[in-house]
Protein backbone atom coordinates (compact mmCIF):
# COMPACT_ATOMS: atom_id res chain seq x y z
CA MET A 1 -0.08 0.08 0.10
CA LYS A 2 1.38 3.32 -1.02
CA VAL A 3 1.00 5.89 1.91
CA ILE A 4 0.40 9.51 0.88
CA SER A 5 0.18 12.87 2.39
CA GLY A 6 -3.10 14.71 3.45
CA LYS A 7 -2.34 17.30 0.78
CA ARG A 8 -2.00 14.70 -2.14
CA PHE A 9 -5.18 12.90 -0.78
CA CYS A 10 -6.99 16.39 -1.00
CA ARG A 11 -5.92 16.63 -4.71
CA ILE A 12 -7.24 13.33 -5.55
CA LEU A 13 -10.82 13.96 -3.84
CA VAL A 14 -11.13 17.14 -5.97
CA SER A 15 -10.32 15.17 -9.12
CA LYS A 16 -13.13 12.63 -7.99
CA ASP A 17 -15.57 15.70 -7.79
CA TRP A 18 -15.47 16.05 -4.08
CA GLU A 19 -15.85 19.59 -3.04
CA LEU A 20 -14.07 21.38 -0.26
CA LYS A 21 -16.64 22.73 2.18
CA ARG A 22 -14.81 24.15 4.82
CA THR A 23 -11.44 24.14 6.82
CA HIS A 24 -11.35 23.72 10.56
CA GLY A 25 -8.00 24.01 11.70
CA SER A 26 -5.89 21.68 9.80
CA HIS A 27 -8.73 19.38 8.99
CA HIS A 28 -10.26 19.92 5.43
CA ILE A 29 -14.06 18.72 5.12
CA PHE A 30 -15.13 17.30 1.83
CA THR A 31 -18.59 16.60 0.57
CA LYS A 32 -20.01 15.31 -2.75
CA VAL A 33 -23.32 16.11 -4.24
CA GLY A 34 -25.46 12.91 -4.07
CA ASN A 35 -23.50 11.48 -1.26
CA ILE A 36 -24.55 11.92 2.37
CA ALA A 37 -20.84 11.10 3.48
CA ARG A 38 -18.34 13.79 4.86
CA ILE A 39 -14.70 13.21 4.49
CA SER A 40 -12.39 14.92 6.92
CA VAL A 41 -8.78 14.80 5.86
CA PRO A 42 -5.90 15.93 8.12
CA VAL A 43 -3.39 18.03 6.46
CA HIS A 44 -0.12 18.60 8.41
CA GLY A 45 2.27 19.62 5.58
CA ASN A 46 3.62 16.73 3.92
CA CYS A 47 3.34 14.21 6.65
CA PRO A 48 1.90 10.94 5.51
CA LEU A 49 -1.69 9.78 6.48
CA LYS A 50 -1.69 6.70 8.98
CA ILE A 51 -2.43 3.64 6.93
CA GLY A 52 -5.69 2.80 8.73
CA LEU A 53 -7.16 6.44 8.24
CA GLN A 54 -6.13 6.35 4.66
CA LEU A 55 -7.85 2.83 3.90
CA HIS A 56 -10.93 4.27 5.50
CA LEU A 57 -11.08 7.48 3.59
CA MET A 58 -10.45 5.61 0.33
CA LYS A 59 -13.27 3.14 1.13
CA ILE A 60 -15.75 6.10 1.70
CA ALA A 61 -14.47 8.02 -1.29
CA GLY A 62 -14.61 5.11 -3.64
CA ILE A 63 -10.90 5.38 -4.50
CA GLU A 64 -8.77 2.36 -5.49
CA GLU A 65 -5.23 1.85 -4.62
CA SER A 66 -4.18 2.13 -8.34
CA GLU A 67 -5.47 5.64 -8.35
CA LEU A 68 -2.77 6.95 -5.64
């Protein structure tokens, strides 16, 4: 599994039509039209996301490992 930073994950979400609704501290909150889920991505510079969190966010967003 490739581990990526919060910044990079945000760019992937935007390319998948997720919209940045707001920022609360270092957490970026994304929503998508027609989807009731909200995704909160911690962006701490270029620090990588923890693997469990990354897998959970990928599952919610419908992102495959090959898209990283």
